[in-house]
Amino acid sequence: MLARRMVLVACVLLQPVSCVVEFKAADPIAPPAGKERGPCRPAASCNAGLICLSNVCVRQVASAPDDAALGDGSTTPRPDVHAKCPGGCVETLAGAGKGQADGPALQASFSFPAAAAVDSAGAIIIADRLNHRLRLIKGGIVSTLAGGAKGFTDGPSHLARFNHPSGVAVDGKRVYVADQENHAIRLIEDGVVRTIAGSGYGFADGAAKDAMFRSPAGLALGSAGELYIADVGNHRVRRLHGQAVITWAGSGVPGHGDGKAGSSRFNYPHGLAAASNGAIFVVEQANHRLRRISGGQVETLVGAAGQGFVDGAGEHARLSAPTGVAIGPLGEVYIADQGNHALRVFAAGKLSTVAGNGSAGAADGPRSIARFDSPIDVASNHADALIIVDQENHRIRRVTP
């Protein structure tokens, strides 16, 4: 009589496969000798064809993904996967490697994607940097929302052109884009792209059409519809509201300095997130810090101890070239810690690691063993998951509880 047994699939995404747990029928024969089922340590070796996962040697099997597509841009995680992920799972949501293909999410391809935003219905918009496009993940399908060849052209979305789009924010049917190498802020609405701020490379506040930026990246929308912009090359955080651009924080002199927003100093601010109370969270790629702008003041929350990979109290914790930030449903702050190839979270004054261990890789599965390669951005799906832009793996990942 056939017996049911669980085989945990652990795979390294060097090929377009995914990690799932399969329930297979097996003849009642003894398992292979050695550490087939025995305990192990991550550094210990298991028999050939096995991998040490969650302190148990399990069989390594490549399996094609077969998640069911949902209409909200996600896929339904197989329940047997999450039965083995009591501490949360990391899954590949879209992307089979570097390329420019639309189609089913796990067959589509990206080229150094840079940013993500999730709309109220759960559809995901990706700034696909080296493809010079905005991509849409919805109903298990990846499509091109706007863009094509590199350029700088407004107009119908299929004719519009971008130059290394590197930031995105969404408000209803309006998609804002930080068009980094065009040094402009663009808007996609009703199938049309137009430039709403930026007149070239440089620095100038004032009327939006005359304002100037230097390589803008992260974007965040405030509660009143104002758009905050990480002006990377100007070492400032800017604000676009109505038809005017102003400097929200930063003197423009690269460095580090807390205190009054106007005289504070940043060093390549890259990612932004806006809290419901009006605070703006900033991650700095060169200062390796998480900062907060609130009430006209700037303060450092994490990273004062310098670059590194250390959890703990904010003043002692360390980051490495963080580039993306998002706020969770309980006010916790998630950080795409690019240099550490990890997702971190700051809550109650302490920094901890959600997934990733400081080494680059490409593995789905329980958060404790999942691997990223230069995760550059993180976004909340407004429900129970985080979207990770895994840049060097050219994939979009999802972290679930």
Protein backbone atom coordinates (compact mmCIF):
# COMPACT_ATOMS: atom_id res chain seq x y z
CA MET A 1 0.00 0.00 0.00
CA LEU A 2 1.29 3.38 -0.90
CA ALA A 3 2.09 5.76 1.92
CA ARG A 4 1.88 9.52 1.78
CA ARG A 5 5.04 11.42 2.55
CA MET A 6 6.04 15.06 2.32
CA VAL A 7 9.04 16.14 0.32
CA LEU A 8 10.15 19.70 0.86
CA VAL A 9 11.36 21.26 -2.33
CA ALA A 10 14.33 23.57 -1.90
CA CYS A 11 15.66 25.13 -5.07
CA VAL A 12 18.12 27.79 -6.08
CA LEU A 13 16.62 30.02 -8.74
CA LEU A 14 19.42 29.79 -11.23
CA GLN A 15 16.70 28.45 -13.50
CA PRO A 16 13.03 29.57 -13.63
CA VAL A 17 11.72 27.19 -11.01
CA SER A 18 10.03 27.75 -7.69
CA CYS A 19 10.11 26.20 -4.26
CA VAL A 20 6.99 24.33 -3.32
CA VAL A 21 6.09 21.50 -1.01
CA GLU A 22 4.76 18.47 -2.83
CA PHE A 23 2.77 15.55 -1.40
CA LYS A 24 3.73 12.45 -3.34
CA ALA A 25 2.89 8.79 -3.10
CA ALA A 26 5.88 6.64 -2.30
CA ASP A 27 6.49 2.93 -1.90
CA PRO A 28 7.03 1.90 1.72
CA ILE A 29 10.76 1.51 1.39
CA ALA A 30 13.48 2.70 3.71
CA PRO A 31 14.79 6.21 3.01
CA PRO A 32 18.34 6.54 1.71
CA ALA A 33 21.00 6.08 4.35
CA GLY A 34 22.60 9.03 6.06
CA LYS A 35 20.93 12.30 6.92
CA GLU A 36 17.75 11.84 4.90
CA ARG A 37 15.62 12.78 7.89
CA GLY A 38 18.15 13.56 10.57
CA PRO A 39 19.01 16.91 12.14
CA CYS A 40 21.71 19.11 10.66
CA ARG A 41 23.18 22.56 10.95
CA PRO A 42 23.21 25.03 8.04
CA ALA A 43 26.97 24.60 7.73
CA ALA A 44 26.81 20.80 7.88
CA SER A 45 26.64 18.68 4.75
CA CYS A 46 23.80 16.33 3.92
CA ASN A 47 23.88 13.44 1.48
CA ALA A 48 23.88 14.12 -2.25
CA GLY A 49 20.54 15.49 -3.43
CA LEU A 50 19.65 16.77 0.02
CA ILE A 51 19.88 20.22 1.54
CA CYS A 52 19.94 21.39 5.15
CA LEU A 53 16.73 23.36 5.61
CA SER A 54 15.34 24.48 8.96
CA ASN A 55 17.85 22.14 10.65
CA VAL A 56 16.59 19.06 8.81
CA CYS A 57 18.10 17.36 5.74
CA VAL A 58 15.47 17.29 3.01
CA ARG A 59 15.46 16.25 -0.62
CA GLN A 60 16.24 18.89 -3.26
CA VAL A 61 13.82 18.69 -6.18
CA ALA A 62 13.18 21.10 -9.06
CA SER A 63 9.50 21.65 -9.65
CA ALA A 64 7.59 23.84 -12.05
CA PRO A 65 5.43 26.47 -10.37
CA ASP A 66 1.72 25.92 -10.50
CA ASP A 67 0.23 28.58 -8.29
CA ALA A 68 -3.26 29.69 -9.24
CA ALA A 69 -3.51 33.21 -10.57
CA LEU A 70 -5.65 35.77 -8.80
CA GLY A 71 -7.23 38.84 -10.34
CA ASP A 72 -5.42 41.17 -7.96
CA GLY A 73 -2.00 40.79 -9.53
CA SER A 74 -0.81 38.11 -7.13
CA THR A 75 -0.91 34.35 -7.13
CA THR A 76 -2.44 32.09 -4.54
CA PRO A 77 0.31 30.55 -2.42
CA ARG A 78 -0.14 26.80 -2.28
CA PRO A 79 -1.33 25.95 1.23
CA ASP A 80 1.23 23.16 1.52
CA VAL A 81 4.01 25.71 1.02
CA HIS A 82 2.87 27.80 3.94
CA ALA A 83 2.34 24.77 6.11
CA LYS A 84 6.12 24.56 6.04
CA CYS A 85 6.64 28.29 6.58
CA PRO A 86 5.27 29.04 10.04
CA GLY A 87 7.64 32.00 10.21
CA GLY A 88 6.74 33.30 6.74
CA CYS A 89 7.72 32.51 3.15
CA VAL A 90 9.53 34.21 0.30
CA GLU A 91 8.17 33.45 -3.17
CA THR A 92 8.98 34.56 -6.69
CA LEU A 93 5.94 36.46 -7.92
CA ALA A 94 7.22 37.41 -11.38
CA GLY A 95 10.33 37.13 -13.48
CA ALA A 96 12.33 34.31 -15.06
CA GLY A 97 15.56 36.27 -15.35
CA LYS A 98 16.92 39.18 -17.37
CA GLY A 99 14.97 40.15 -20.48
CA GLN A 100 12.02 42.13 -21.78
CA ALA A 101 9.19 39.62 -22.14
CA ASP A 102 5.57 40.19 -21.17
CA GLY A 103 3.23 37.29 -20.47
CA PRO A 104 2.56 34.85 -17.60
CA ALA A 105 4.27 36.22 -14.52
CA LEU A 106 6.76 33.42 -13.99
CA GLN A 107 7.74 33.44 -17.67
CA ALA A 108 8.02 37.21 -18.02
CA SER A 109 11.38 38.96 -17.68
CA PHE A 110 12.75 42.25 -16.37
CA SER A 111 16.05 44.09 -16.69
CA PHE A 112 17.31 45.54 -13.42
CA PRO A 113 13.89 46.54 -12.05
CA ALA A 114 14.24 49.46 -9.66
CA ALA A 115 10.99 50.20 -7.83
CA ALA A 116 7.50 48.93 -7.07
CA ALA A 117 4.15 50.37 -6.03
CA VAL A 118 0.86 48.58 -5.32
CA ASP A 119 -2.51 50.08 -6.12
CA SER A 120 -5.64 49.73 -3.98
CA ALA A 121 -6.77 46.66 -5.95
CA GLY A 122 -3.45 44.87 -5.47
CA ALA A 123 -2.05 45.38 -8.97
CA ILE A 124 1.71 45.98 -8.92
CA ILE A 125 3.51 48.62 -10.99
CA ILE A 126 7.23 48.10 -11.59
CA ALA A 127 9.79 50.64 -12.79
CA ASP A 128 11.78 48.39 -15.14
CA ARG A 129 14.90 50.49 -15.24
CA LEU A 130 17.03 49.11 -18.07
CA ASN A 131 14.02 48.30 -20.21
CA HIS A 132 12.92 51.96 -19.86
CA ARG A 133 9.38 50.79 -19.18
CA LEU A 134 6.68 50.71 -16.56
CA ARG A 135 5.36 47.20 -16.17
CA LEU A 136 2.09 45.98 -14.65
CA ILE A 137 1.59 42.69 -12.77
CA LYS A 138 -2.10 41.85 -12.61
CA GLY A 139 -4.03 38.60 -12.68
CA GLY A 140 -0.82 36.58 -12.93
CA ILE A 141 0.18 38.41 -16.13
CA VAL A 142 2.96 40.93 -16.75
CA SER A 143 2.28 43.64 -19.33
CA THR A 144 3.87 46.92 -20.39
CA LEU A 145 2.03 49.91 -18.98
CA ALA A 146 4.12 52.56 -20.75
CA GLY A 147 7.47 53.05 -22.44
CA GLY A 148 9.70 51.26 -24.92
CA ALA A 149 12.99 52.44 -26.32
CA LYS A 150 15.04 54.90 -24.26
CA GLY A 151 14.08 58.53 -24.81
CA PHE A 152 12.09 61.47 -23.48
CA THR A 153 8.67 61.69 -25.09
CA ASP A 154 5.23 62.44 -23.71
CA GLY A 155 2.01 61.18 -25.28
CA PRO A 156 0.10 57.89 -25.55
CA SER A 157 1.65 55.33 -23.23
CA HIS A 158 2.80 53.00 -26.01
CA LEU A 159 4.63 55.88 -27.71
CA ALA A 160 5.97 57.56 -24.57
CA ARG A 161 9.65 57.20 -23.78
CA PHE A 162 11.57 57.07 -20.47
CA ASN A 163 15.26 57.03 -19.56
CA HIS A 164 15.99 54.68 -16.64
CA PRO A 165 12.76 55.04 -14.61
CA SER A 166 13.78 54.44 -11.00
CA GLY A 167 10.86 55.41 -8.76
CA VAL A 168 7.11 54.88 -8.82
CA ALA A 169 4.07 55.83 -6.73
CA VAL A 170 0.40 55.24 -7.39
CA ASP A 171 -2.72 57.18 -6.38
CA GLY A 172 -5.87 55.65 -7.76
CA LYS A 173 -5.45 55.57 -11.54
CA ARG A 174 -2.56 58.03 -11.47
CA VAL A 175 0.96 56.56 -11.66
CA TYR A 176 3.88 58.86 -10.84
CA VAL A 177 7.32 58.02 -12.20
CA ALA A 178 10.78 59.29 -11.26
CA ASP A 179 12.40 59.34 -14.71
CA GLN A 180 15.93 59.30 -13.38
CA GLU A 181 18.14 60.06 -16.36
CA ASN A 182 15.65 62.54 -17.80
CA HIS A 183 15.73 64.28 -14.38
CA ALA A 184 11.97 64.62 -14.48
CA ILE A 185 8.77 63.54 -12.78
CA ARG A 186 6.25 61.98 -15.14
CA LEU A 187 2.59 61.07 -14.75
CA ILE A 188 0.71 58.21 -16.42
CA GLU A 189 -3.03 58.77 -16.42
CA ASP A 190 -5.77 57.45 -18.71
CA GLY A 191 -3.22 55.92 -21.06
CA VAL A 192 -1.26 59.14 -21.53
CA VAL A 193 2.17 60.11 -20.22
CA ARG A 194 3.06 63.71 -19.46
CA THR A 195 5.89 65.50 -17.68
CA ILE A 196 4.68 67.30 -14.56
CA ALA A 197 7.98 68.58 -13.13
CA GLY A 198 11.56 68.95 -14.24
CA SER A 199 13.28 71.03 -16.89
CA GLY A 200 16.68 69.35 -16.89
CA TYR A 201 19.71 68.42 -14.83
CA GLY A 202 20.49 70.75 -11.94
CA PHE A 203 18.83 72.25 -8.91
CA ALA A 204 15.99 74.74 -8.87
CA ASP A 205 12.85 75.10 -6.78
CA GLY A 206 9.84 77.01 -8.00
CA ALA A 207 7.24 76.38 -10.67
CA ALA A 208 7.10 72.67 -11.46
CA LYS A 209 7.81 73.20 -15.14
CA ASP A 210 10.98 75.12 -14.31
CA ALA A 211 12.20 73.03 -11.38
CA MET A 212 15.38 70.99 -11.82
CA PHE A 213 16.48 67.65 -10.37
CA ARG A 214 19.60 65.49 -10.35
CA SER A 215 18.70 61.82 -10.80
CA PRO A 216 15.46 61.55 -8.79
CA ALA A 217 14.60 58.09 -7.46
CA GLY A 218 12.24 57.18 -4.61
CA LEU A 219 8.73 58.68 -4.52
CA ALA A 220 6.13 58.82 -1.76
CA LEU A 221 2.62 60.26 -1.73
CA GLY A 222 1.38 62.24 1.27
CA SER A 223 -2.18 62.24 2.58
CA ALA A 224 -3.01 65.51 0.81
CA GLY A 225 -1.81 64.25 -2.56
CA GLU A 226 1.60 65.90 -2.31
CA LEU A 227 4.49 63.99 -3.89
CA TYR A 228 7.81 63.65 -2.07
CA ILE A 229 10.88 63.04 -4.21
CA ALA A 230 14.28 61.63 -3.27
CA ASP A 231 16.51 63.97 -5.28
CA VAL A 232 19.53 61.71 -5.08
CA GLY A 233 22.18 63.83 -6.77
CA ASN A 234 21.10 67.01 -5.00
CA HIS A 235 21.17 65.27 -1.58
CA ARG A 236 17.72 66.65 -0.83
CA VAL A 237 14.14 65.56 -0.31
CA ARG A 238 11.84 67.66 -2.47
CA ARG A 239 8.07 68.13 -2.49
CA LEU A 240 5.78 68.62 -5.47
CA HIS A 241 2.37 70.00 -4.55
CA GLY A 242 0.08 71.64 -7.05
CA GLN A 243 2.32 73.38 -9.56
CA ALA A 244 5.26 74.09 -7.25
CA VAL A 245 8.39 72.25 -6.16
CA ILE A 246 10.12 73.09 -2.88
CA THR A 247 12.93 71.58 -0.85
CA TRP A 248 11.44 69.67 2.07
CA ALA A 249 14.72 68.73 3.74
CA GLY A 250 18.44 68.88 3.05
CA SER A 251 20.88 71.72 2.46
CA GLY A 252 22.28 70.15 -0.69
CA VAL A 253 25.70 69.64 0.89
CA PRO A 254 26.44 65.89 1.03
CA GLY A 255 27.09 64.58 4.50
CA HIS A 256 25.21 63.79 7.67
CA GLY A 257 23.48 66.24 9.93
CA ASP A 258 20.27 66.01 11.91
CA GLY A 259 18.27 68.96 13.20
CA LYS A 260 16.29 71.56 11.31
CA ALA A 261 15.15 70.23 7.95
CA GLY A 262 16.53 73.14 5.95
CA SER A 263 20.05 72.82 7.31
CA SER A 264 20.15 69.03 7.62
CA ARG A 265 22.45 67.02 5.39
CA PHE A 266 21.90 63.82 3.44
CA ASN A 267 24.17 61.63 1.33
CA TYR A 268 22.38 60.10 -1.63
CA PRO A 269 18.86 59.74 -0.20
CA HIS A 270 17.26 57.01 -2.27
CA GLY A 271 14.01 55.63 -0.82
CA LEU A 272 11.03 57.39 0.77
CA ALA A 273 7.87 56.39 2.61
CA ALA A 274 5.13 58.67 3.94
CA ALA A 275 3.40 57.85 7.22
CA SER A 276 -0.23 58.70 7.94
CA ASN A 277 0.87 61.28 10.55
CA GLY A 278 2.85 63.22 7.95
CA ALA A 279 6.31 61.90 8.83
CA ILE A 280 8.60 61.03 5.92
CA PHE A 281 11.03 58.13 6.28
CA VAL A 282 14.22 58.30 4.23
CA VAL A 283 16.90 55.67 3.57
CA GLU A 284 20.32 56.91 2.50
CA GLN A 285 22.46 54.78 0.28
CA ALA A 286 25.78 56.42 1.16
CA ASN A 287 25.17 57.18 4.84
CA HIS A 288 23.71 53.70 5.47
CA ARG A 289 20.96 55.23 7.60
CA LEU A 290 17.23 55.37 8.17
CA ARG A 291 16.13 58.95 8.87
CA ARG A 292 12.80 60.57 9.70
CA ILE A 293 11.53 64.02 8.73
CA SER A 294 8.77 65.25 11.02
CA GLY A 295 7.69 68.64 12.32
CA GLY A 296 10.45 70.41 10.41
CA GLN A 297 13.15 68.28 12.06
CA VAL A 298 15.34 65.45 10.79
CA GLU A 299 16.51 62.63 13.05
CA THR A 300 18.47 59.42 12.60
CA LEU A 301 16.64 56.25 13.63
CA VAL A 302 19.08 53.57 12.46
CA GLY A 303 22.68 53.60 11.29
CA ALA A 304 24.51 56.06 13.51
CA ALA A 305 27.00 53.28 14.30
CA GLY A 306 28.06 53.05 10.65
CA GLN A 307 27.84 50.51 7.84
CA GLY A 308 27.38 46.82 8.61
CA PHE A 309 24.87 44.06 9.24
CA VAL A 310 23.78 44.26 12.86
CA ASP A 311 20.33 43.91 14.41
CA GLY A 312 19.33 45.54 17.69
CA ALA A 313 18.57 48.96 19.09
CA GLY A 314 18.50 51.67 16.45
CA GLU A 315 21.59 53.49 17.69
CA HIS A 316 23.66 50.29 17.49
CA ALA A 317 22.07 48.57 14.48
CA ARG A 318 23.72 48.76 11.07
CA LEU A 319 22.62 48.82 7.45
CA SER A 320 24.53 48.67 4.16
CA ALA A 321 23.47 50.90 1.27
CA PRO A 322 19.71 50.78 1.95
CA THR A 323 17.66 51.91 -1.03
CA GLY A 324 13.97 51.19 -0.40
CA VAL A 325 11.54 51.73 2.46
CA ALA A 326 7.87 51.00 3.15
CA ILE A 327 5.51 51.31 6.11
CA GLY A 328 3.58 48.28 7.33
CA PRO A 329 0.01 48.17 8.67
CA LEU A 330 1.15 48.62 12.28
CA GLY A 331 3.52 51.48 11.53
CA GLU A 332 6.60 49.27 11.31
CA VAL A 333 9.20 50.40 8.78
CA TYR A 334 10.53 47.87 6.27
CA ILE A 335 13.88 48.49 4.60
CA ALA A 336 15.37 47.05 1.42
CA ASP A 337 18.92 46.67 2.70
CA GLN A 338 20.56 46.35 -0.68
CA GLY A 339 24.18 45.93 0.36
CA ASN A 340 23.25 43.23 2.87
CA HIS A 341 20.92 41.43 0.43
CA ALA A 342 18.27 41.47 3.12
CA LEU A 343 14.85 42.75 4.13
CA ARG A 344 14.96 44.46 7.53
CA VAL A 345 12.26 45.92 9.76
CA PHE A 346 12.43 48.75 12.31
CA ALA A 347 9.79 48.68 15.04
CA ALA A 348 9.65 49.76 18.68
CA GLY A 349 13.13 51.26 18.42
CA LYS A 350 14.79 48.06 17.23
CA LEU A 351 16.01 46.76 13.87
CA SER A 352 15.64 43.08 12.96
CA THR A 353 16.11 40.95 9.87
CA VAL A 354 13.01 39.60 8.13
CA ALA A 355 14.75 37.62 5.35
CA GLY A 356 18.21 37.36 3.82
CA ASN A 357 21.51 36.72 5.57
CA GLY A 358 24.02 39.16 4.11
CA SER A 359 25.04 36.97 1.17
CA ALA A 360 23.74 37.32 -2.37
CA GLY A 361 21.70 34.45 -3.73
CA ALA A 362 18.40 33.42 -5.26
CA ALA A 363 16.30 31.07 -3.16
CA ASP A 364 12.62 30.94 -2.30
CA GLY A 365 11.22 29.20 0.76
CA PRO A 366 11.04 29.93 4.48
CA ARG A 367 12.28 33.40 5.31
CA SER A 368 15.14 31.95 7.33
CA ILE A 369 16.75 30.43 4.22
CA ALA A 370 15.52 32.72 1.43
CA ARG A 371 18.14 34.68 -0.49
CA PHE A 372 18.11 37.93 -2.49
CA ASP A 373 20.62 39.66 -4.73
CA SER A 374 20.62 43.44 -4.22
CA PRO A 375 16.99 44.00 -3.22
CA ILE A 376 16.46 47.64 -4.15
CA ASP A 377 12.88 48.38 -3.13
CA VAL A 378 10.05 47.16 -0.93
CA ALA A 379 6.33 47.94 -1.11
CA SER A 380 3.31 46.89 0.94
CA ASN A 381 0.40 45.19 -0.81
CA HIS A 382 -2.03 46.82 1.69
CA ALA A 383 -2.98 43.39 3.05
CA ASP A 384 -0.62 40.76 4.36
CA ALA A 385 2.46 40.70 2.15
CA LEU A 386 5.46 42.73 1.06
CA ILE A 387 6.66 43.09 -2.52
CA ILE A 388 10.44 43.03 -3.01
CA VAL A 389 12.23 44.26 -6.12
CA ASP A 390 15.12 41.80 -6.34
CA GLN A 391 17.21 43.79 -8.78
CA GLU A 392 20.20 41.62 -9.62
CA ASN A 393 17.98 38.55 -9.88
CA HIS A 394 15.65 40.48 -12.24
CA ARG A 395 12.67 39.20 -10.29
CA ILE A 396 9.79 40.45 -8.18
CA ARG A 397 9.48 38.56 -4.91
CA ARG A 398 6.78 38.39 -2.28
CA VAL A 399 7.27 37.97 1.46
CA THR A 400 4.31 36.57 3.36
CA PRO A 401 3.72 36.11 7.09
